Each structure stands twice: as C-alpha cells, then as structure tokens.
N, C-alpha and C. Protein backbone atom coordinates (compact mmCIF):
# COMPACT_ATOMS: atom_id res chain seq x y z
N MET A 1 0.81 -1.19 0.00
CA MET A 1 0.00 0.00 0.00
C MET A 1 0.86 1.26 0.00
N ALA A 2 2.10 1.14 0.43
CA ALA A 2 3.00 2.30 0.49
C ALA A 2 3.24 2.89 -0.90
N PHE A 3 3.30 2.04 -1.92
CA PHE A 3 3.55 2.54 -3.26
C PHE A 3 2.42 3.44 -3.73
N LEU A 4 1.19 2.98 -3.60
CA LEU A 4 0.05 3.78 -4.05
C LEU A 4 -0.05 5.08 -3.26
N LYS A 5 0.25 5.04 -1.97
CA LYS A 5 0.22 6.25 -1.14
C LYS A 5 1.30 7.23 -1.59
N THR A 6 2.52 6.73 -1.80
CA THR A 6 3.62 7.58 -2.25
C THR A 6 3.28 8.21 -3.60
N LEU A 7 2.79 7.39 -4.50
CA LEU A 7 2.43 7.87 -5.84
C LEU A 7 1.31 8.90 -5.77
N SER A 8 0.30 8.61 -4.98
CA SER A 8 -0.84 9.52 -4.83
C SER A 8 -0.38 10.89 -4.30
N ASP A 9 0.50 10.87 -3.30
CA ASP A 9 1.01 12.13 -2.73
C ASP A 9 1.72 12.97 -3.79
N GLN A 10 2.46 12.31 -4.67
CA GLN A 10 3.21 13.05 -5.69
C GLN A 10 2.30 13.54 -6.82
N VAL A 11 1.32 12.75 -7.17
CA VAL A 11 0.38 13.14 -8.24
C VAL A 11 -0.41 14.38 -7.83
N VAL A 12 -0.83 14.44 -6.58
CA VAL A 12 -1.59 15.58 -6.08
C VAL A 12 -0.78 16.87 -6.24
N LEU A 13 0.55 16.77 -6.10
CA LEU A 13 1.42 17.94 -6.19
C LEU A 13 1.86 18.25 -7.62
N ASN A 14 1.33 17.49 -8.60
CA ASN A 14 1.78 17.62 -9.99
C ASN A 14 3.30 17.48 -10.09
N PHE A 15 3.80 16.52 -9.38
CA PHE A 15 5.24 16.26 -9.25
C PHE A 15 5.87 15.87 -10.58
N THR A 16 7.08 16.36 -10.82
CA THR A 16 7.91 15.89 -11.92
C THR A 16 9.18 15.34 -11.30
N GLY A 17 9.45 14.08 -11.58
CA GLY A 17 10.61 13.42 -11.02
C GLY A 17 10.44 11.93 -11.05
N LYS A 18 11.20 11.25 -10.21
CA LYS A 18 11.17 9.80 -10.20
C LYS A 18 10.97 9.27 -8.79
N ILE A 19 10.28 8.15 -8.73
CA ILE A 19 10.14 7.43 -7.48
C ILE A 19 10.95 6.15 -7.63
N ASN A 20 12.03 6.05 -6.87
CA ASN A 20 12.89 4.87 -6.93
C ASN A 20 12.28 3.77 -6.07
N VAL A 21 12.35 2.55 -6.57
CA VAL A 21 11.84 1.38 -5.86
C VAL A 21 13.05 0.60 -5.36
N LEU A 22 13.11 0.42 -4.03
CA LEU A 22 14.25 -0.26 -3.41
C LEU A 22 13.78 -1.43 -2.58
N ASP A 23 14.66 -2.43 -2.44
CA ASP A 23 14.42 -3.54 -1.52
C ASP A 23 14.56 -2.99 -0.11
N LYS A 24 13.57 -3.24 0.73
CA LYS A 24 13.56 -2.68 2.08
C LYS A 24 14.73 -3.19 2.92
N ASP A 25 15.11 -4.45 2.73
CA ASP A 25 16.15 -5.05 3.56
C ASP A 25 17.56 -4.55 3.23
N ASN A 26 17.91 -4.54 1.95
CA ASN A 26 19.28 -4.21 1.59
C ASN A 26 19.41 -2.90 0.79
N ARG A 27 18.29 -2.21 0.58
CA ARG A 27 18.25 -0.93 -0.15
C ARG A 27 18.72 -1.05 -1.60
N LYS A 28 18.68 -2.27 -2.15
CA LYS A 28 19.07 -2.49 -3.54
C LYS A 28 18.05 -1.84 -4.46
N PHE A 29 18.54 -1.17 -5.50
CA PHE A 29 17.68 -0.53 -6.49
C PHE A 29 17.00 -1.60 -7.34
N LEU A 30 15.66 -1.53 -7.43
CA LEU A 30 14.89 -2.50 -8.21
C LEU A 30 14.21 -1.86 -9.42
N GLY A 31 13.97 -0.56 -9.36
CA GLY A 31 13.30 0.09 -10.47
C GLY A 31 12.93 1.51 -10.13
N ARG A 32 12.17 2.12 -11.05
CA ARG A 32 11.73 3.49 -10.82
C ARG A 32 10.48 3.79 -11.63
N VAL A 33 9.76 4.78 -11.15
CA VAL A 33 8.57 5.27 -11.83
C VAL A 33 8.78 6.76 -12.10
N ALA A 34 8.61 7.15 -13.34
CA ALA A 34 8.81 8.56 -13.72
C ALA A 34 7.47 9.26 -13.85
N LEU A 35 7.41 10.46 -13.30
CA LEU A 35 6.21 11.29 -13.40
C LEU A 35 6.56 12.61 -14.06
N LEU A 36 5.66 13.08 -14.86
CA LEU A 36 5.81 14.36 -15.54
C LEU A 36 4.55 15.17 -15.28
N ASP A 37 4.67 16.21 -14.49
CA ASP A 37 3.52 17.05 -14.11
C ASP A 37 2.37 16.20 -13.55
N GLY A 38 2.70 15.25 -12.69
CA GLY A 38 1.70 14.43 -12.03
C GLY A 38 1.15 13.29 -12.85
N LEU A 39 1.66 13.10 -14.04
CA LEU A 39 1.22 12.02 -14.93
C LEU A 39 2.30 10.95 -14.96
N ILE A 40 1.93 9.69 -14.81
CA ILE A 40 2.89 8.59 -14.85
C ILE A 40 3.25 8.36 -16.31
N VAL A 41 4.56 8.42 -16.62
CA VAL A 41 4.97 8.36 -18.02
C VAL A 41 5.98 7.24 -18.31
N ASN A 42 6.54 6.63 -17.29
CA ASN A 42 7.54 5.58 -17.53
C ASN A 42 7.68 4.76 -16.26
N SER A 43 8.05 3.51 -16.43
CA SER A 43 8.24 2.64 -15.28
C SER A 43 9.18 1.51 -15.66
N SER A 44 10.05 1.17 -14.72
CA SER A 44 10.91 0.00 -14.89
C SER A 44 10.99 -0.71 -13.55
N TYR A 45 11.12 -2.04 -13.62
CA TYR A 45 11.16 -2.82 -12.39
C TYR A 45 11.77 -4.18 -12.69
N LYS A 46 12.81 -4.52 -11.96
CA LYS A 46 13.50 -5.81 -12.09
C LYS A 46 13.85 -6.14 -13.54
N GLY A 47 14.42 -5.16 -14.23
CA GLY A 47 14.89 -5.38 -15.58
C GLY A 47 13.83 -5.28 -16.67
N ARG A 48 12.61 -5.02 -16.29
CA ARG A 48 11.54 -4.89 -17.28
C ARG A 48 11.10 -3.44 -17.36
N ILE A 49 10.57 -3.07 -18.50
CA ILE A 49 10.15 -1.69 -18.72
C ILE A 49 8.71 -1.69 -19.23
N GLY A 50 7.94 -0.71 -18.81
CA GLY A 50 6.60 -0.54 -19.36
C GLY A 50 5.52 -0.47 -18.30
N ARG A 51 4.33 -0.27 -18.77
CA ARG A 51 3.17 -0.10 -17.90
C ARG A 51 2.94 -1.31 -16.98
N SER A 52 3.16 -2.51 -17.49
CA SER A 52 2.90 -3.70 -16.67
C SER A 52 3.78 -3.76 -15.43
N THR A 53 4.94 -3.09 -15.47
CA THR A 53 5.80 -3.11 -14.29
C THR A 53 5.15 -2.37 -13.12
N LEU A 54 4.29 -1.40 -13.42
CA LEU A 54 3.56 -0.71 -12.36
C LEU A 54 2.70 -1.68 -11.56
N TYR A 55 2.02 -2.56 -12.28
CA TYR A 55 1.15 -3.53 -11.61
C TYR A 55 1.98 -4.53 -10.80
N ASN A 56 3.14 -4.87 -11.34
CA ASN A 56 4.03 -5.76 -10.61
C ASN A 56 4.47 -5.12 -9.29
N ILE A 57 4.81 -3.83 -9.32
CA ILE A 57 5.19 -3.11 -8.11
C ILE A 57 4.03 -3.08 -7.12
N VAL A 58 2.83 -2.77 -7.61
CA VAL A 58 1.65 -2.71 -6.74
C VAL A 58 1.42 -4.06 -6.08
N ILE A 59 1.44 -5.14 -6.86
CA ILE A 59 1.18 -6.47 -6.32
C ILE A 59 2.24 -6.86 -5.30
N GLU A 60 3.51 -6.66 -5.63
CA GLU A 60 4.56 -7.03 -4.68
C GLU A 60 4.49 -6.19 -3.41
N ASP A 61 4.15 -4.92 -3.55
CA ASP A 61 4.03 -4.06 -2.37
C ASP A 61 2.87 -4.52 -1.49
N LEU A 62 1.76 -4.88 -2.09
CA LEU A 62 0.60 -5.34 -1.31
C LEU A 62 0.85 -6.71 -0.69
N GLU A 63 1.55 -7.59 -1.39
CA GLU A 63 1.77 -8.95 -0.92
C GLU A 63 2.87 -9.04 0.14
N ASP A 64 4.01 -8.39 -0.11
CA ASP A 64 5.17 -8.60 0.75
C ASP A 64 5.51 -7.43 1.66
N GLU A 65 5.21 -6.24 1.21
CA GLU A 65 5.62 -5.02 1.91
C GLU A 65 7.13 -5.02 2.16
N ARG A 66 7.89 -5.56 1.18
CA ARG A 66 9.35 -5.59 1.28
C ARG A 66 10.00 -4.52 0.41
N LEU A 67 9.19 -3.59 -0.05
CA LEU A 67 9.70 -2.53 -0.90
C LEU A 67 9.67 -1.20 -0.16
N THR A 68 10.58 -0.34 -0.52
CA THR A 68 10.57 1.02 0.01
C THR A 68 10.70 1.97 -1.18
N PHE A 69 10.23 3.19 -1.01
CA PHE A 69 10.15 4.13 -2.12
C PHE A 69 10.81 5.45 -1.75
N VAL A 70 11.64 5.93 -2.65
CA VAL A 70 12.36 7.19 -2.44
C VAL A 70 12.00 8.15 -3.57
N VAL A 71 11.47 9.29 -3.21
CA VAL A 71 11.06 10.30 -4.18
C VAL A 71 12.24 11.20 -4.49
N GLU A 72 12.53 11.37 -5.77
CA GLU A 72 13.62 12.22 -6.22
C GLU A 72 13.11 13.22 -7.24
N PRO A 73 13.13 14.50 -6.89
CA PRO A 73 12.79 15.51 -7.89
C PRO A 73 13.90 15.52 -8.96
N GLU A 74 13.55 15.23 -10.17
CA GLU A 74 14.50 15.20 -11.28
C GLU A 74 13.81 15.77 -12.50
N ILE A 75 14.60 16.12 -13.46
CA ILE A 75 14.04 16.57 -14.72
C ILE A 75 13.61 15.33 -15.50
N VAL A 76 12.35 15.29 -15.86
CA VAL A 76 11.81 14.21 -16.69
C VAL A 76 11.29 14.89 -17.95
N THR A 77 11.80 14.46 -19.08
CA THR A 77 11.40 15.10 -20.34
C THR A 77 10.38 14.23 -21.07
N LEU A 78 9.72 14.84 -22.02
CA LEU A 78 8.73 14.13 -22.82
C LEU A 78 9.36 12.98 -23.59
N SER A 79 10.64 13.09 -23.91
CA SER A 79 11.31 12.02 -24.66
C SER A 79 11.44 10.73 -23.83
N GLU A 80 11.36 10.83 -22.50
CA GLU A 80 11.42 9.65 -21.63
C GLU A 80 10.07 8.95 -21.52
N ALA A 81 9.02 9.61 -21.93
CA ALA A 81 7.67 9.06 -21.78
C ALA A 81 7.45 7.92 -22.77
N ILE A 82 7.04 6.77 -22.24
CA ILE A 82 6.69 5.64 -23.11
C ILE A 82 5.20 5.32 -23.03
N PHE A 83 4.53 5.93 -22.07
CA PHE A 83 3.07 5.83 -21.94
C PHE A 83 2.61 7.01 -21.09
N GLU A 84 1.31 7.21 -21.03
CA GLU A 84 0.74 8.22 -20.15
C GLU A 84 -0.39 7.57 -19.37
N LEU A 85 -0.34 7.74 -18.06
CA LEU A 85 -1.33 7.10 -17.21
C LEU A 85 -1.60 8.00 -16.02
N THR A 86 -2.87 8.24 -15.75
CA THR A 86 -3.21 9.01 -14.55
C THR A 86 -3.21 8.07 -13.36
N PHE A 87 -3.15 8.65 -12.17
CA PHE A 87 -3.18 7.83 -10.96
C PHE A 87 -4.51 7.08 -10.86
N ASP A 88 -5.60 7.75 -11.20
CA ASP A 88 -6.92 7.10 -11.13
C ASP A 88 -7.00 5.89 -12.07
N GLU A 89 -6.45 6.04 -13.28
CA GLU A 89 -6.44 4.92 -14.22
C GLU A 89 -5.61 3.76 -13.67
N LEU A 90 -4.46 4.09 -13.09
CA LEU A 90 -3.61 3.05 -12.50
C LEU A 90 -4.34 2.34 -11.37
N GLN A 91 -4.97 3.11 -10.52
CA GLN A 91 -5.67 2.54 -9.37
C GLN A 91 -6.79 1.60 -9.80
N LYS A 92 -7.58 2.02 -10.80
CA LYS A 92 -8.67 1.17 -11.28
C LYS A 92 -8.14 -0.12 -11.90
N SER A 93 -7.15 0.00 -12.77
CA SER A 93 -6.57 -1.17 -13.43
C SER A 93 -5.89 -2.09 -12.43
N ALA A 94 -5.16 -1.49 -11.49
CA ALA A 94 -4.44 -2.29 -10.49
C ALA A 94 -5.40 -3.08 -9.62
N LYS A 95 -6.52 -2.50 -9.30
CA LYS A 95 -7.52 -3.20 -8.48
C LYS A 95 -8.03 -4.45 -9.21
N ILE A 96 -8.34 -4.29 -10.49
CA ILE A 96 -8.83 -5.42 -11.29
C ILE A 96 -7.74 -6.48 -11.45
N ILE A 97 -6.54 -6.06 -11.80
CA ILE A 97 -5.44 -7.00 -12.02
C ILE A 97 -5.08 -7.72 -10.72
N TYR A 98 -5.07 -7.00 -9.61
CA TYR A 98 -4.75 -7.64 -8.32
C TYR A 98 -5.79 -8.70 -7.97
N GLN A 99 -7.05 -8.41 -8.21
CA GLN A 99 -8.09 -9.40 -7.92
C GLN A 99 -7.95 -10.62 -8.82
N GLN A 100 -7.67 -10.39 -10.11
CA GLN A 100 -7.44 -11.50 -11.03
C GLN A 100 -6.25 -12.34 -10.59
N TYR A 101 -5.19 -11.67 -10.15
CA TYR A 101 -3.99 -12.36 -9.67
C TYR A 101 -4.32 -13.21 -8.43
N LYS A 102 -5.05 -12.65 -7.48
CA LYS A 102 -5.42 -13.40 -6.27
C LYS A 102 -6.26 -14.62 -6.63
N ASP A 103 -7.18 -14.46 -7.58
CA ASP A 103 -8.00 -15.59 -8.02
C ASP A 103 -7.14 -16.64 -8.73
N ALA A 104 -6.18 -16.18 -9.55
CA ALA A 104 -5.31 -17.09 -10.29
C ALA A 104 -4.40 -17.89 -9.35
N LEU A 105 -3.97 -17.28 -8.26
CA LEU A 105 -3.08 -17.97 -7.32
C LEU A 105 -3.71 -19.25 -6.78
N LYS A 106 -5.03 -19.25 -6.65
CA LYS A 106 -5.74 -20.43 -6.13
C LYS A 106 -5.74 -21.57 -7.14
N LYS A 107 -5.49 -21.25 -8.42
CA LYS A 107 -5.62 -22.25 -9.47
C LYS A 107 -4.29 -22.63 -10.12
N ILE A 108 -3.21 -22.01 -9.70
CA ILE A 108 -1.91 -22.30 -10.31
C ILE A 108 -1.44 -23.68 -9.87
N PRO A 109 -0.91 -24.45 -10.82
CA PRO A 109 -0.42 -25.78 -10.46
C PRO A 109 0.79 -25.68 -9.53
N PRO A 110 1.01 -26.71 -8.72
CA PRO A 110 2.17 -26.72 -7.81
C PRO A 110 3.48 -26.59 -8.59
N PRO A 111 4.51 -26.01 -7.98
CA PRO A 111 5.77 -25.73 -8.68
C PRO A 111 6.48 -26.97 -9.24
N GLN A 112 6.26 -28.14 -8.65
CA GLN A 112 6.97 -29.33 -9.10
C GLN A 112 6.30 -30.04 -10.28
N LEU A 113 5.07 -29.64 -10.63
CA LEU A 113 4.39 -30.28 -11.76
C LEU A 113 5.03 -29.92 -13.09
N ARG A 114 4.90 -30.83 -14.03
CA ARG A 114 5.41 -30.60 -15.38
C ARG A 114 4.21 -30.49 -16.33
N LEU A 115 4.32 -29.55 -17.25
CA LEU A 115 3.24 -29.29 -18.19
C LEU A 115 3.72 -29.48 -19.62
N LEU A 116 2.81 -29.90 -20.46
CA LEU A 116 3.08 -29.97 -21.90
C LEU A 116 1.99 -29.21 -22.64
N ILE A 117 2.35 -28.72 -23.80
CA ILE A 117 1.36 -28.04 -24.64
C ILE A 117 0.55 -29.11 -25.36
N ASN A 118 -0.75 -29.01 -25.29
CA ASN A 118 -1.66 -29.95 -25.93
C ASN A 118 -1.59 -29.75 -27.45
N PRO A 119 -1.15 -30.78 -28.20
CA PRO A 119 -1.03 -30.63 -29.66
C PRO A 119 -2.36 -30.30 -30.34
N ASP A 120 -3.47 -30.82 -29.81
CA ASP A 120 -4.78 -30.51 -30.38
C ASP A 120 -5.09 -29.02 -30.26
N PHE A 121 -4.65 -28.43 -29.16
CA PHE A 121 -4.88 -27.00 -28.97
C PHE A 121 -4.11 -26.20 -30.03
N VAL A 122 -2.89 -26.60 -30.28
CA VAL A 122 -2.08 -25.89 -31.28
C VAL A 122 -2.75 -25.97 -32.65
N ALA A 123 -3.30 -27.13 -32.96
CA ALA A 123 -3.92 -27.33 -34.27
C ALA A 123 -5.29 -26.66 -34.39
N ARG A 124 -6.10 -26.74 -33.34
CA ARG A 124 -7.48 -26.30 -33.46
C ARG A 124 -7.97 -25.36 -32.36
N GLY A 125 -7.11 -24.99 -31.47
CA GLY A 125 -7.52 -24.18 -30.32
C GLY A 125 -7.84 -22.75 -30.67
N PRO A 126 -8.46 -22.06 -29.73
CA PRO A 126 -8.79 -20.64 -29.94
C PRO A 126 -7.52 -19.79 -29.95
N SER A 127 -7.65 -18.56 -30.37
CA SER A 127 -6.49 -17.67 -30.39
C SER A 127 -6.03 -17.39 -28.95
N VAL A 128 -4.80 -16.95 -28.85
CA VAL A 128 -4.23 -16.70 -27.53
C VAL A 128 -3.81 -15.23 -27.42
N SER A 129 -3.75 -14.76 -26.18
CA SER A 129 -3.30 -13.40 -25.92
C SER A 129 -1.77 -13.36 -25.96
N PHE A 130 -1.22 -12.17 -25.90
CA PHE A 130 0.23 -12.02 -25.89
C PHE A 130 0.85 -12.74 -24.70
N TRP A 131 0.26 -12.57 -23.51
CA TRP A 131 0.79 -13.23 -22.31
C TRP A 131 0.73 -14.75 -22.46
N GLU A 132 -0.37 -15.25 -23.02
CA GLU A 132 -0.49 -16.70 -23.21
C GLU A 132 0.55 -17.19 -24.22
N PHE A 133 0.75 -16.44 -25.29
CA PHE A 133 1.74 -16.83 -26.29
C PHE A 133 3.14 -16.87 -25.68
N GLU A 134 3.50 -15.85 -24.92
CA GLU A 134 4.81 -15.82 -24.27
C GLU A 134 4.98 -17.00 -23.32
N THR A 135 3.92 -17.33 -22.61
CA THR A 135 3.98 -18.45 -21.67
C THR A 135 4.11 -19.77 -22.43
N LEU A 136 3.38 -19.94 -23.52
CA LEU A 136 3.52 -21.15 -24.33
C LEU A 136 4.93 -21.28 -24.88
N THR A 137 5.54 -20.17 -25.26
CA THR A 137 6.91 -20.19 -25.75
C THR A 137 7.86 -20.71 -24.68
N VAL A 138 7.68 -20.27 -23.46
CA VAL A 138 8.52 -20.73 -22.36
C VAL A 138 8.28 -22.22 -22.09
N ILE A 139 7.02 -22.63 -22.11
CA ILE A 139 6.67 -24.03 -21.84
C ILE A 139 7.29 -24.96 -22.88
N SER A 140 7.47 -24.48 -24.10
CA SER A 140 8.07 -25.33 -25.12
C SER A 140 9.52 -25.68 -24.78
N ASP A 141 10.17 -24.86 -23.95
CA ASP A 141 11.55 -25.14 -23.53
C ASP A 141 11.67 -25.62 -22.09
N PHE A 142 10.79 -25.16 -21.24
CA PHE A 142 10.83 -25.48 -19.81
C PHE A 142 9.44 -25.92 -19.38
N ASN A 143 9.29 -27.17 -18.97
CA ASN A 143 7.94 -27.63 -18.68
C ASN A 143 7.61 -27.73 -17.19
N LYS A 144 8.56 -27.55 -16.32
CA LYS A 144 8.30 -27.56 -14.88
C LYS A 144 7.74 -26.19 -14.47
N VAL A 145 6.66 -26.17 -13.71
CA VAL A 145 5.98 -24.93 -13.37
C VAL A 145 6.94 -23.92 -12.73
N SER A 146 7.78 -24.36 -11.81
CA SER A 146 8.72 -23.43 -11.18
C SER A 146 9.68 -22.83 -12.20
N ASP A 147 10.11 -23.63 -13.19
CA ASP A 147 11.00 -23.14 -14.24
C ASP A 147 10.29 -22.16 -15.17
N ILE A 148 9.02 -22.40 -15.40
CA ILE A 148 8.24 -21.50 -16.25
C ILE A 148 8.24 -20.09 -15.65
N PHE A 149 8.04 -20.02 -14.34
CA PHE A 149 8.05 -18.71 -13.68
C PHE A 149 9.44 -18.08 -13.72
N LEU A 150 10.47 -18.89 -13.53
CA LEU A 150 11.84 -18.37 -13.56
C LEU A 150 12.25 -17.85 -14.94
N GLU A 151 11.87 -18.56 -15.97
CA GLU A 151 12.33 -18.25 -17.33
C GLU A 151 11.42 -17.30 -18.10
N SER A 152 10.24 -17.06 -17.60
CA SER A 152 9.29 -16.21 -18.32
C SER A 152 9.77 -14.76 -18.37
N PRO A 153 9.65 -14.14 -19.53
CA PRO A 153 9.98 -12.71 -19.63
C PRO A 153 8.88 -11.83 -19.04
N LEU A 154 7.76 -12.45 -18.68
CA LEU A 154 6.63 -11.72 -18.13
C LEU A 154 6.78 -11.56 -16.62
N ALA A 155 6.03 -10.64 -16.07
CA ALA A 155 5.95 -10.50 -14.62
C ALA A 155 5.22 -11.70 -14.04
N GLU A 156 5.43 -11.96 -12.76
CA GLU A 156 4.82 -13.14 -12.13
C GLU A 156 3.30 -13.14 -12.27
N TYR A 157 2.68 -11.99 -12.07
CA TYR A 157 1.22 -11.95 -12.17
C TYR A 157 0.76 -12.27 -13.59
N GLN A 158 1.52 -11.84 -14.60
CA GLN A 158 1.15 -12.11 -15.98
C GLN A 158 1.27 -13.60 -16.29
N THR A 159 2.34 -14.20 -15.84
CA THR A 159 2.54 -15.64 -16.06
C THR A 159 1.46 -16.43 -15.33
N SER A 160 1.14 -16.02 -14.11
CA SER A 160 0.09 -16.70 -13.33
C SER A 160 -1.24 -16.68 -14.07
N LEU A 161 -1.62 -15.49 -14.53
CA LEU A 161 -2.89 -15.37 -15.24
C LEU A 161 -2.87 -16.15 -16.55
N ALA A 162 -1.75 -16.13 -17.25
CA ALA A 162 -1.65 -16.86 -18.52
C ALA A 162 -1.76 -18.37 -18.30
N LEU A 163 -1.11 -18.90 -17.28
CA LEU A 163 -1.19 -20.34 -17.00
C LEU A 163 -2.64 -20.76 -16.71
N VAL A 164 -3.33 -19.95 -15.95
CA VAL A 164 -4.72 -20.28 -15.60
C VAL A 164 -5.61 -20.25 -16.84
N THR A 165 -5.48 -19.21 -17.66
CA THR A 165 -6.34 -19.13 -18.84
C THR A 165 -5.98 -20.21 -19.87
N LEU A 166 -4.70 -20.53 -19.99
CA LEU A 166 -4.31 -21.61 -20.92
C LEU A 166 -4.88 -22.95 -20.46
N ARG A 167 -4.88 -23.18 -19.17
CA ARG A 167 -5.44 -24.43 -18.62
C ARG A 167 -6.94 -24.50 -18.91
N LYS A 168 -7.63 -23.37 -18.73
CA LYS A 168 -9.07 -23.31 -18.99
C LYS A 168 -9.37 -23.55 -20.46
N LYS A 169 -8.50 -23.10 -21.34
CA LYS A 169 -8.68 -23.27 -22.78
C LYS A 169 -8.30 -24.67 -23.25
N GLY A 170 -7.74 -25.48 -22.37
CA GLY A 170 -7.34 -26.83 -22.75
C GLY A 170 -6.00 -26.86 -23.48
N ALA A 171 -5.20 -25.84 -23.31
CA ALA A 171 -3.91 -25.77 -24.02
C ALA A 171 -2.81 -26.56 -23.35
N LEU A 172 -3.02 -26.92 -22.09
CA LEU A 172 -1.95 -27.57 -21.31
C LEU A 172 -2.38 -28.93 -20.80
N LYS A 173 -1.40 -29.83 -20.75
CA LYS A 173 -1.60 -31.15 -20.16
C LYS A 173 -0.60 -31.29 -19.02
N VAL A 174 -1.07 -31.83 -17.92
CA VAL A 174 -0.18 -32.12 -16.79
C VAL A 174 0.42 -33.49 -17.03
N ILE A 175 1.76 -33.58 -16.99
CA ILE A 175 2.41 -34.87 -17.26
C ILE A 175 3.06 -35.45 -16.01
N GLY A 176 2.88 -34.84 -14.88
CA GLY A 176 3.40 -35.40 -13.65
C GLY A 176 4.43 -34.51 -13.01
N GLN A 177 5.18 -35.16 -12.09
CA GLN A 177 6.16 -34.39 -11.30
C GLN A 177 7.57 -34.69 -11.73
C-alpha cells in the first residue's frame, strides 16, 4: 500500500521526477517510476520496462511489503515518456489485475508439476493473448511450473494469469512431477 500512497502524494502535487523502488532489507535498487507534471509516463522494475511493471510493483508491495520508495525531484522530459497514465487509471486497473492475480493464485499448479502443450490445442484451439503466447513459448523449452516462472519474460502476475487461462482453454496437459 506504500507505493500507491507515495504515488498519490506526488500526483496531487503535480510532481515531476522519479520514485525509486528499493528492496527494504538491503536498499538495492529495483526500479523506478517517472512522473511528468503528475502524470505517470515511464516505469521500470526488475529489468523490465513498461506499464505492466507498475502492476508488478503494486502487487509485490501489497503482498510482501518488502519494498521502500524514495522520491527524487528530477528533470523528466517528454522524450522519456513511453506511456501516459493518470493515478486514477492506475488505481482502477491495479484493483482489477490484483483481484485476477489473487484468483489465479488459487488455481496455479504446484511448482513441481510438469506441463506440456496440448497438440490438439495448437492445431485447433482458440487464439491466444500475448501473455499466453509468451507463456507457451517458455513451456516449449521449460515444462516444470517453477522453471516457467523463472524463465518467463513476463511479470509473475502475468505468467500466473496466462497459465490459468491456458489451462481453462485446454492448451496444457499435466504430465506429472
């Protein structure tokens, strides 16, 4: 909850600068969120860049509270902007994504299970989303659930949601441990 509070405080002030995201225990830099006149315009977190990293920060902050945030007034130019998002838009989207993530956690297979892509799904299955496609790509090389999370280029919440929807679509077969 600290992230949304910190962000909200800065948005109200039409802040221009960056909010650094640090590990609470060792103060290691994990990412940053850039604001331009109170508008969220860029975000990076754990080596990833883009809007989805905001949701990853929100989820990790709500789940673990192992993050700390440092506000730095800096010059942020329009050339650094890769998206534009108001705080209200972030809050609404984050609420939906967090609920989907919590629901998905109940349905994720155990980490030791191995999954295969159902060949019938590849031949005749419905279309897949970007997250599902990325997850299928990882599964083609790594079939253990724990490895899928480790190797996925997606954030944990994205991989979680993709695994659940792929299972519902019949795209995956459990082959054991």
